[in-house]
PDB file of N, CA and C in Angstrom:
ATOM      1  N   MET A   1       0.763  -1.346  -0.403  1.00  0.00           N
ATOM      2  CA  MET A   1       0.130  -0.330   0.157  1.00  0.00           C
ATOM      3  C   MET A   1       1.021   1.425   0.025  1.00  0.00           C
ATOM      4  N   VAL A   2       0.431   2.436  -0.756  1.00  0.00           N
ATOM      5  CA  VAL A   2       1.134   3.826  -0.827  1.00  0.00           C
ATOM      6  C   VAL A   2       1.199   4.284   0.142  1.00  0.00           C
ATOM      7  N   ILE A   3       0.161   3.939   1.052  1.00  0.00           N
ATOM      8  CA  ILE A   3      -0.163   4.653   2.979  1.00  0.00           C
ATOM      9  C   ILE A   3       1.476   4.221   3.473  1.00  0.00           C
ATOM     10  N   ILE A   4       1.500   2.904   3.551  1.00  0.00           N
ATOM     11  CA  ILE A   4       2.736   2.525   4.157  1.00  0.00           C
ATOM     12  C   ILE A   4       3.851   3.334   4.280  1.00  0.00           C
ATOM     13  N   VAL A   5       4.238   3.477   2.256  1.00  0.00           N
ATOM     14  CA  VAL A   5       5.331   3.831   2.472  1.00  0.00           C
ATOM     15  C   VAL A   5       5.726   5.305   2.898  1.00  0.00           C
ATOM     16  N   THR A   6       4.308   5.558   2.588  1.00  0.00           N
ATOM     17  CA  THR A   6       4.691   7.336   2.857  1.00  0.00           C
ATOM     18  C   THR A   6       4.591   7.465   4.399  1.00  0.00           C
ATOM     19  N   THR A   7       3.550   6.350   5.223  1.00  0.00           N
ATOM     20  CA  THR A   7       3.954   7.221   6.629  1.00  0.00           C
ATOM     21  C   THR A   7       5.365   6.631   6.758  1.00  0.00           C
ATOM     22  N   LYS A   8       6.001   5.743   6.661  1.00  0.00           N
ATOM     23  CA  LYS A   8       7.483   5.801   6.455  1.00  0.00           C
ATOM     24  C   LYS A   8       8.308   6.939   6.104  1.00  0.00           C
ATOM     25  N   TRP A   9       8.113   6.877   4.987  1.00  0.00           N
ATOM     26  CA  TRP A   9       8.731   8.329   4.307  1.00  0.00           C
ATOM     27  C   TRP A   9       8.823   9.530   5.921  1.00  0.00           C
ATOM     28  N   LEU A  10       7.502   9.706   5.821  1.00  0.00           N
ATOM     29  CA  LEU A  10       7.105  11.086   6.641  1.00  0.00           C
ATOM     30  C   LEU A  10       7.744  10.348   7.356  1.00  0.00           C
ATOM     31  N   LEU A  11       7.759   9.763   8.789  1.00  0.00           N
ATOM     32  CA  LEU A  11       8.505   9.435   9.946  1.00  0.00           C
ATOM     33  C   LEU A  11       9.808   9.208   9.969  1.00  0.00           C
ATOM     34  N   ILE A  12      10.355   9.017   8.794  1.00  0.00           N
ATOM     35  CA  ILE A  12      12.124   9.244   8.264  1.00  0.00           C
ATOM     36  C   ILE A  12      12.365  10.723   8.835  1.00  0.00           C
ATOM     37  N   THR A  13      11.448  11.130   7.387  1.00  0.00           N
ATOM     38  CA  THR A  13      11.513  12.936   7.287  1.00  0.00           C
ATOM     39  C   THR A  13      11.518  13.760   8.664  1.00  0.00           C
ATOM     40  N   ARG A  14      10.446  13.511   9.400  1.00  0.00           N
ATOM     41  CA  ARG A  14      10.714  13.785  10.582  1.00  0.00           C
ATOM     42  C   ARG A  14      11.862  13.379  11.771  1.00  0.00           C
ATOM     43  N   THR A  15      12.281  12.497  11.571  1.00  0.00           N
ATOM     44  CA  THR A  15      13.291  12.436  12.284  1.00  0.00           C
ATOM     45  C   THR A  15      14.550  13.632  11.857  1.00  0.00           C
ATOM     46  N   LEU A  16      14.712  12.714  10.978  1.00  0.00           N
ATOM     47  CA  LEU A  16      15.785  14.175  10.282  1.00  0.00           C
ATOM     48  C   LEU A  16      15.715  15.523  10.287  1.00  0.00           C
ATOM     49  N   GLY A  17      14.504  16.084   9.890  1.00  0.00           N
ATOM     50  CA  GLY A  17      13.708  17.350   9.909  1.00  0.00           C
ATOM     51  C   GLY A  17      15.486  17.901   8.851  1.00  0.00           C
ATOM     52  N   SER A  18      14.992  17.801   7.886  1.00  0.00           N
ATOM     53  CA  SER A  18      16.269  17.965   6.761  1.00  0.00           C
ATOM     54  C   SER A  18      15.492  17.020   5.107  1.00  0.00           C
ATOM     55  N   HIS A  19      15.466  18.243   4.589  1.00  0.00           N
ATOM     56  CA  HIS A  19      15.531  17.045   3.168  1.00  0.00           C
ATOM     57  C   HIS A  19      16.446  16.320   2.387  1.00  0.00           C
ATOM     58  N   GLU A  20      17.219  16.056   3.274  1.00  0.00           N
ATOM     59  CA  GLU A  20      18.389  16.044   2.512  1.00  0.00           C
ATOM     60  C   GLU A  20      18.398  14.214   2.685  1.00  0.00           C
ATOM     61  N   THR A  21      17.284  14.086   2.755  1.00  0.00           N
ATOM     62  CA  THR A  21      17.386  12.647   3.010  1.00  0.00           C
ATOM     63  C   THR A  21      17.009  12.082   1.146  1.00  0.00           C
ATOM     64  N   SER A  22      17.591  11.333   0.680  1.00  0.00           N
ATOM     65  CA  SER A  22      17.120  10.710  -1.152  1.00  0.00           C
ATOM     66  C   SER A  22      16.692   9.728  -1.391  1.00  0.00           C
ATOM     67  N   PHE A  23      14.996   9.503  -1.199  1.00  0.00           N
ATOM     68  CA  PHE A  23      14.553   8.208  -1.001  1.00  0.00           C
ATOM     69  C   PHE A  23      14.541   7.997  -2.279  1.00  0.00           C
TER      70      PHE A  23
END
């Protein structure tokens, strides 16, 4: 499901607090 991927990506981005991550 796309929702799971989006949630995971959001959690990772929030943890880093930056758009430096390139997934």
